[in-house]
Amino acid sequence: MTNIDPKQFADLLVQDTSKELIIVDVREQQEWDYYHLEDSLLMPMNTVPERLDEISMDQDVYIICAHGVRSERVCSYLRDRGFEKVINVDGGMAAIAYLRGFAYD
């Protein structure tokens, strides 16, 4: 499985946006409402099987959740279905929020 360190991911978020990042957030709606990344796609974990056609097989896709557990499972699920360019964001939104100075519980 491919993972990315939260600091590396945070750095990608602030770099030149000529290459847009594809970010799929697998948390639930209420978690998303509390704090999310601009331009990320909300796709709660339990909806992933029915929404596979919304996930690119040709570009890197960063999968994120609250702490990295659900996103790791989703990455594994997607890899089993032929998605080779999925990347789990270690530490999830909690780590990203911390790096951005936002208290995420």
N, C-alpha and C. Protein backbone atom coordinates (compact mmCIF):
# COMPACT_ATOMS: atom_id res chain seq x y z
N MET A 1 0.84 -1.19 0.00
CA MET A 1 0.00 0.00 0.00
C MET A 1 0.88 1.24 0.00
N THR A 2 0.43 2.25 -0.71
CA THR A 2 1.16 3.51 -0.75
C THR A 2 0.56 4.48 0.27
N ASN A 3 1.43 5.05 1.07
CA ASN A 3 1.04 6.03 2.08
C ASN A 3 1.83 7.31 1.85
N ILE A 4 1.28 8.41 2.33
CA ILE A 4 2.01 9.66 2.30
C ILE A 4 1.98 10.25 3.71
N ASP A 5 3.12 10.74 4.12
CA ASP A 5 3.28 11.39 5.41
C ASP A 5 2.41 12.66 5.42
N PRO A 6 1.80 12.98 6.56
CA PRO A 6 0.94 14.17 6.59
C PRO A 6 1.66 15.47 6.24
N LYS A 7 2.91 15.59 6.63
CA LYS A 7 3.68 16.80 6.29
C LYS A 7 3.89 16.90 4.78
N GLN A 8 4.23 15.78 4.15
CA GLN A 8 4.41 15.78 2.69
C GLN A 8 3.10 16.13 1.99
N PHE A 9 1.99 15.59 2.50
CA PHE A 9 0.69 15.88 1.92
C PHE A 9 0.33 17.35 2.12
N ALA A 10 0.57 17.88 3.30
CA ALA A 10 0.30 19.30 3.57
C ALA A 10 1.12 20.18 2.63
N ASP A 11 2.35 19.78 2.37
CA ASP A 11 3.20 20.54 1.44
C ASP A 11 2.61 20.52 0.03
N LEU A 12 2.07 19.36 -0.38
CA LEU A 12 1.43 19.28 -1.70
C LEU A 12 0.25 20.23 -1.80
N LEU A 13 -0.47 20.39 -0.70
CA LEU A 13 -1.67 21.24 -0.71
C LEU A 13 -1.34 22.70 -0.96
N VAL A 14 -0.14 23.12 -0.58
CA VAL A 14 0.22 24.54 -0.74
C VAL A 14 1.11 24.80 -1.95
N GLN A 15 1.55 23.75 -2.63
CA GLN A 15 2.38 23.93 -3.81
C GLN A 15 1.56 24.46 -4.97
N ASP A 16 2.23 24.77 -6.04
CA ASP A 16 1.59 25.24 -7.27
C ASP A 16 0.43 24.31 -7.62
N THR A 17 -0.72 24.88 -7.86
CA THR A 17 -1.90 24.07 -8.13
C THR A 17 -2.13 23.84 -9.62
N SER A 18 -1.09 23.95 -10.42
CA SER A 18 -1.25 23.67 -11.85
C SER A 18 -1.65 22.21 -12.06
N LYS A 19 -1.27 21.36 -11.13
CA LYS A 19 -1.69 19.97 -11.16
C LYS A 19 -2.62 19.78 -9.97
N GLU A 20 -3.90 19.74 -10.24
CA GLU A 20 -4.87 19.61 -9.15
C GLU A 20 -4.76 18.25 -8.48
N LEU A 21 -4.82 18.26 -7.17
CA LEU A 21 -4.83 17.01 -6.41
C LEU A 21 -6.25 16.45 -6.40
N ILE A 22 -6.36 15.16 -6.51
CA ILE A 22 -7.65 14.49 -6.36
C ILE A 22 -7.67 13.90 -4.96
N ILE A 23 -8.59 14.41 -4.14
CA ILE A 23 -8.68 14.01 -2.74
C ILE A 23 -10.08 13.47 -2.48
N VAL A 24 -10.14 12.24 -1.99
CA VAL A 24 -11.42 11.63 -1.64
C VAL A 24 -11.45 11.48 -0.12
N ASP A 25 -12.43 12.11 0.49
CA ASP A 25 -12.60 12.11 1.94
C ASP A 25 -13.66 11.06 2.29
N VAL A 26 -13.26 10.02 3.02
CA VAL A 26 -14.17 8.90 3.30
C VAL A 26 -14.83 8.99 4.67
N ARG A 27 -14.83 10.18 5.27
CA ARG A 27 -15.51 10.37 6.55
C ARG A 27 -17.01 10.55 6.33
N GLU A 28 -17.73 10.70 7.41
CA GLU A 28 -19.17 10.91 7.35
C GLU A 28 -19.48 12.41 7.20
N GLN A 29 -20.70 12.71 6.80
CA GLN A 29 -21.12 14.09 6.53
C GLN A 29 -20.83 15.03 7.70
N GLN A 30 -21.17 14.61 8.93
CA GLN A 30 -20.97 15.51 10.08
C GLN A 30 -19.48 15.79 10.32
N GLU A 31 -18.62 14.84 10.02
CA GLU A 31 -17.17 15.08 10.15
C GLU A 31 -16.72 16.08 9.09
N TRP A 32 -17.23 15.91 7.90
CA TRP A 32 -16.94 16.80 6.77
C TRP A 32 -17.39 18.22 7.09
N ASP A 33 -18.61 18.34 7.65
CA ASP A 33 -19.15 19.66 7.98
C ASP A 33 -18.27 20.38 8.99
N TYR A 34 -17.67 19.63 9.90
CA TYR A 34 -16.83 20.22 10.94
C TYR A 34 -15.54 20.80 10.35
N TYR A 35 -14.89 20.05 9.46
CA TYR A 35 -13.62 20.49 8.88
C TYR A 35 -13.31 19.61 7.66
N HIS A 36 -13.02 20.24 6.54
CA HIS A 36 -12.63 19.47 5.35
C HIS A 36 -11.69 20.30 4.48
N LEU A 37 -11.10 19.63 3.54
CA LEU A 37 -10.19 20.28 2.61
C LEU A 37 -10.98 20.78 1.40
N GLU A 38 -10.70 22.01 1.03
CA GLU A 38 -11.35 22.59 -0.14
C GLU A 38 -11.08 21.71 -1.36
N ASP A 39 -12.07 21.56 -2.19
CA ASP A 39 -11.99 20.79 -3.44
C ASP A 39 -11.85 19.28 -3.24
N SER A 40 -12.02 18.80 -2.01
CA SER A 40 -12.02 17.34 -1.83
C SER A 40 -13.42 16.82 -2.08
N LEU A 41 -13.51 15.55 -2.39
CA LEU A 41 -14.79 14.90 -2.68
C LEU A 41 -15.21 14.08 -1.47
N LEU A 42 -16.38 14.37 -0.94
CA LEU A 42 -16.91 13.57 0.17
C LEU A 42 -17.51 12.29 -0.38
N MET A 43 -16.99 11.16 0.11
CA MET A 43 -17.47 9.84 -0.28
C MET A 43 -17.38 8.94 0.95
N PRO A 44 -18.39 8.99 1.84
CA PRO A 44 -18.32 8.16 3.04
C PRO A 44 -17.96 6.71 2.71
N MET A 45 -17.16 6.13 3.59
CA MET A 45 -16.62 4.79 3.36
C MET A 45 -17.66 3.79 2.87
N ASN A 46 -18.84 3.79 3.45
CA ASN A 46 -19.85 2.80 3.07
C ASN A 46 -20.44 3.05 1.69
N THR A 47 -20.17 4.20 1.08
CA THR A 47 -20.69 4.48 -0.27
C THR A 47 -19.67 4.19 -1.37
N VAL A 48 -18.45 3.89 -1.00
CA VAL A 48 -17.39 3.69 -1.99
C VAL A 48 -17.73 2.59 -3.00
N PRO A 49 -18.22 1.42 -2.58
CA PRO A 49 -18.49 0.37 -3.58
C PRO A 49 -19.45 0.79 -4.69
N GLU A 50 -20.42 1.62 -4.37
CA GLU A 50 -21.39 2.04 -5.39
C GLU A 50 -20.94 3.27 -6.17
N ARG A 51 -19.80 3.85 -5.80
CA ARG A 51 -19.33 5.08 -6.44
C ARG A 51 -17.95 4.93 -7.08
N LEU A 52 -17.55 3.71 -7.39
CA LEU A 52 -16.23 3.47 -7.96
C LEU A 52 -15.99 4.26 -9.24
N ASP A 53 -17.04 4.50 -10.00
CA ASP A 53 -16.89 5.23 -11.27
C ASP A 53 -16.51 6.69 -11.07
N GLU A 54 -16.58 7.20 -9.84
CA GLU A 54 -16.19 8.58 -9.55
C GLU A 54 -14.71 8.70 -9.18
N ILE A 55 -14.01 7.58 -9.11
CA ILE A 55 -12.61 7.58 -8.69
C ILE A 55 -11.73 7.29 -9.90
N SER A 56 -10.76 8.14 -10.13
CA SER A 56 -9.87 7.99 -11.28
C SER A 56 -8.95 6.79 -11.11
N MET A 57 -8.78 6.06 -12.20
CA MET A 57 -7.81 4.96 -12.21
C MET A 57 -6.50 5.43 -12.84
N ASP A 58 -6.52 6.62 -13.45
CA ASP A 58 -5.37 7.10 -14.21
C ASP A 58 -4.50 8.12 -13.48
N GLN A 59 -5.03 8.72 -12.41
CA GLN A 59 -4.29 9.76 -11.69
C GLN A 59 -4.14 9.35 -10.23
N ASP A 60 -3.16 9.95 -9.57
CA ASP A 60 -3.02 9.73 -8.13
C ASP A 60 -4.27 10.24 -7.43
N VAL A 61 -4.79 9.42 -6.52
CA VAL A 61 -5.97 9.78 -5.74
C VAL A 61 -5.59 9.64 -4.27
N TYR A 62 -5.69 10.74 -3.53
CA TYR A 62 -5.36 10.75 -2.11
C TYR A 62 -6.62 10.46 -1.33
N ILE A 63 -6.58 9.41 -0.51
CA ILE A 63 -7.73 9.00 0.30
C ILE A 63 -7.45 9.44 1.73
N ILE A 64 -8.43 10.15 2.32
CA ILE A 64 -8.24 10.69 3.67
C ILE A 64 -9.48 10.43 4.52
N CYS A 65 -9.25 10.25 5.81
CA CYS A 65 -10.34 10.12 6.79
C CYS A 65 -9.94 10.92 8.03
N ALA A 66 -10.46 10.57 9.17
CA ALA A 66 -10.15 11.34 10.38
C ALA A 66 -8.73 11.08 10.88
N HIS A 67 -8.33 9.82 10.95
CA HIS A 67 -7.02 9.47 11.53
C HIS A 67 -6.20 8.51 10.68
N GLY A 68 -6.73 8.07 9.55
CA GLY A 68 -5.97 7.20 8.65
C GLY A 68 -6.38 5.75 8.64
N VAL A 69 -7.31 5.35 9.50
CA VAL A 69 -7.72 3.95 9.57
C VAL A 69 -8.70 3.60 8.45
N ARG A 70 -9.77 4.37 8.35
CA ARG A 70 -10.76 4.11 7.29
C ARG A 70 -10.14 4.29 5.91
N SER A 71 -9.33 5.32 5.76
CA SER A 71 -8.72 5.56 4.45
C SER A 71 -7.80 4.41 4.05
N GLU A 72 -7.11 3.83 5.02
CA GLU A 72 -6.25 2.68 4.73
C GLU A 72 -7.09 1.50 4.24
N ARG A 73 -8.23 1.28 4.87
CA ARG A 73 -9.13 0.20 4.45
C ARG A 73 -9.68 0.45 3.06
N VAL A 74 -10.06 1.70 2.79
CA VAL A 74 -10.59 2.04 1.48
C VAL A 74 -9.51 1.86 0.42
N CYS A 75 -8.29 2.27 0.70
CA CYS A 75 -7.19 2.08 -0.25
C CYS A 75 -7.00 0.60 -0.55
N SER A 76 -7.03 -0.23 0.46
CA SER A 76 -6.90 -1.67 0.27
C SER A 76 -8.03 -2.21 -0.60
N TYR A 77 -9.25 -1.79 -0.31
CA TYR A 77 -10.42 -2.19 -1.09
C TYR A 77 -10.26 -1.79 -2.56
N LEU A 78 -9.84 -0.55 -2.78
CA LEU A 78 -9.68 -0.05 -4.15
C LEU A 78 -8.57 -0.79 -4.88
N ARG A 79 -7.46 -1.04 -4.20
CA ARG A 79 -6.36 -1.78 -4.83
C ARG A 79 -6.80 -3.18 -5.25
N ASP A 80 -7.62 -3.81 -4.43
CA ASP A 80 -8.15 -5.14 -4.77
C ASP A 80 -9.02 -5.09 -6.02
N ARG A 81 -9.49 -3.91 -6.38
CA ARG A 81 -10.34 -3.74 -7.55
C ARG A 81 -9.61 -3.07 -8.71
N GLY A 82 -8.30 -3.05 -8.65
CA GLY A 82 -7.50 -2.58 -9.77
C GLY A 82 -7.07 -1.13 -9.74
N PHE A 83 -7.38 -0.40 -8.68
CA PHE A 83 -6.95 0.99 -8.56
C PHE A 83 -5.52 0.99 -8.03
N GLU A 84 -4.57 1.33 -8.88
CA GLU A 84 -3.16 1.26 -8.50
C GLU A 84 -2.60 2.58 -8.01
N LYS A 85 -3.32 3.67 -8.19
CA LYS A 85 -2.77 4.99 -7.87
C LYS A 85 -3.48 5.63 -6.68
N VAL A 86 -3.93 4.82 -5.73
CA VAL A 86 -4.54 5.36 -4.52
C VAL A 86 -3.49 5.49 -3.43
N ILE A 87 -3.55 6.59 -2.70
CA ILE A 87 -2.53 6.92 -1.70
C ILE A 87 -3.24 7.27 -0.39
N ASN A 88 -2.90 6.55 0.66
CA ASN A 88 -3.47 6.80 1.98
C ASN A 88 -2.74 7.95 2.66
N VAL A 89 -3.50 8.90 3.20
CA VAL A 89 -2.90 10.02 3.95
C VAL A 89 -2.77 9.59 5.40
N ASP A 90 -1.55 9.27 5.82
CA ASP A 90 -1.28 8.86 7.21
C ASP A 90 -1.73 9.97 8.17
N GLY A 91 -2.36 9.56 9.25
CA GLY A 91 -2.77 10.53 10.27
C GLY A 91 -4.06 11.25 9.96
N GLY A 92 -4.51 11.19 8.71
CA GLY A 92 -5.79 11.76 8.30
C GLY A 92 -5.95 13.25 8.56
N MET A 93 -7.21 13.66 8.64
CA MET A 93 -7.54 15.07 8.83
C MET A 93 -7.02 15.60 10.17
N ALA A 94 -6.93 14.74 11.17
CA ALA A 94 -6.41 15.19 12.46
C ALA A 94 -4.98 15.71 12.30
N ALA A 95 -4.16 14.98 11.56
CA ALA A 95 -2.77 15.39 11.35
C ALA A 95 -2.69 16.64 10.48
N ILE A 96 -3.50 16.69 9.44
CA ILE A 96 -3.49 17.86 8.54
C ILE A 96 -3.96 19.10 9.30
N ALA A 97 -5.04 18.96 10.06
CA ALA A 97 -5.56 20.08 10.84
C ALA A 97 -4.51 20.58 11.82
N TYR A 98 -3.83 19.65 12.48
CA TYR A 98 -2.78 20.02 13.44
C TYR A 98 -1.68 20.83 12.75
N LEU A 99 -1.25 20.36 11.57
CA LEU A 99 -0.20 21.06 10.84
C LEU A 99 -0.64 22.45 10.39
N ARG A 100 -1.95 22.62 10.24
CA ARG A 100 -2.49 23.92 9.83
C ARG A 100 -2.90 24.78 11.03
N GLY A 101 -2.67 24.28 12.24
CA GLY A 101 -2.99 25.05 13.43
C GLY A 101 -4.45 25.03 13.85
N PHE A 102 -5.18 24.01 13.39
CA PHE A 102 -6.60 23.87 13.72
C PHE A 102 -6.77 22.71 14.67
N ALA A 103 -7.50 22.90 15.76
CA ALA A 103 -7.74 21.83 16.72
C ALA A 103 -8.83 20.91 16.20
N TYR A 104 -8.47 19.69 15.86
CA TYR A 104 -9.41 18.71 15.34
C TYR A 104 -9.54 17.59 16.36
N ASP A 105 -10.73 17.39 16.88
CA ASP A 105 -10.94 16.33 17.88
C ASP A 105 -11.52 15.10 17.23
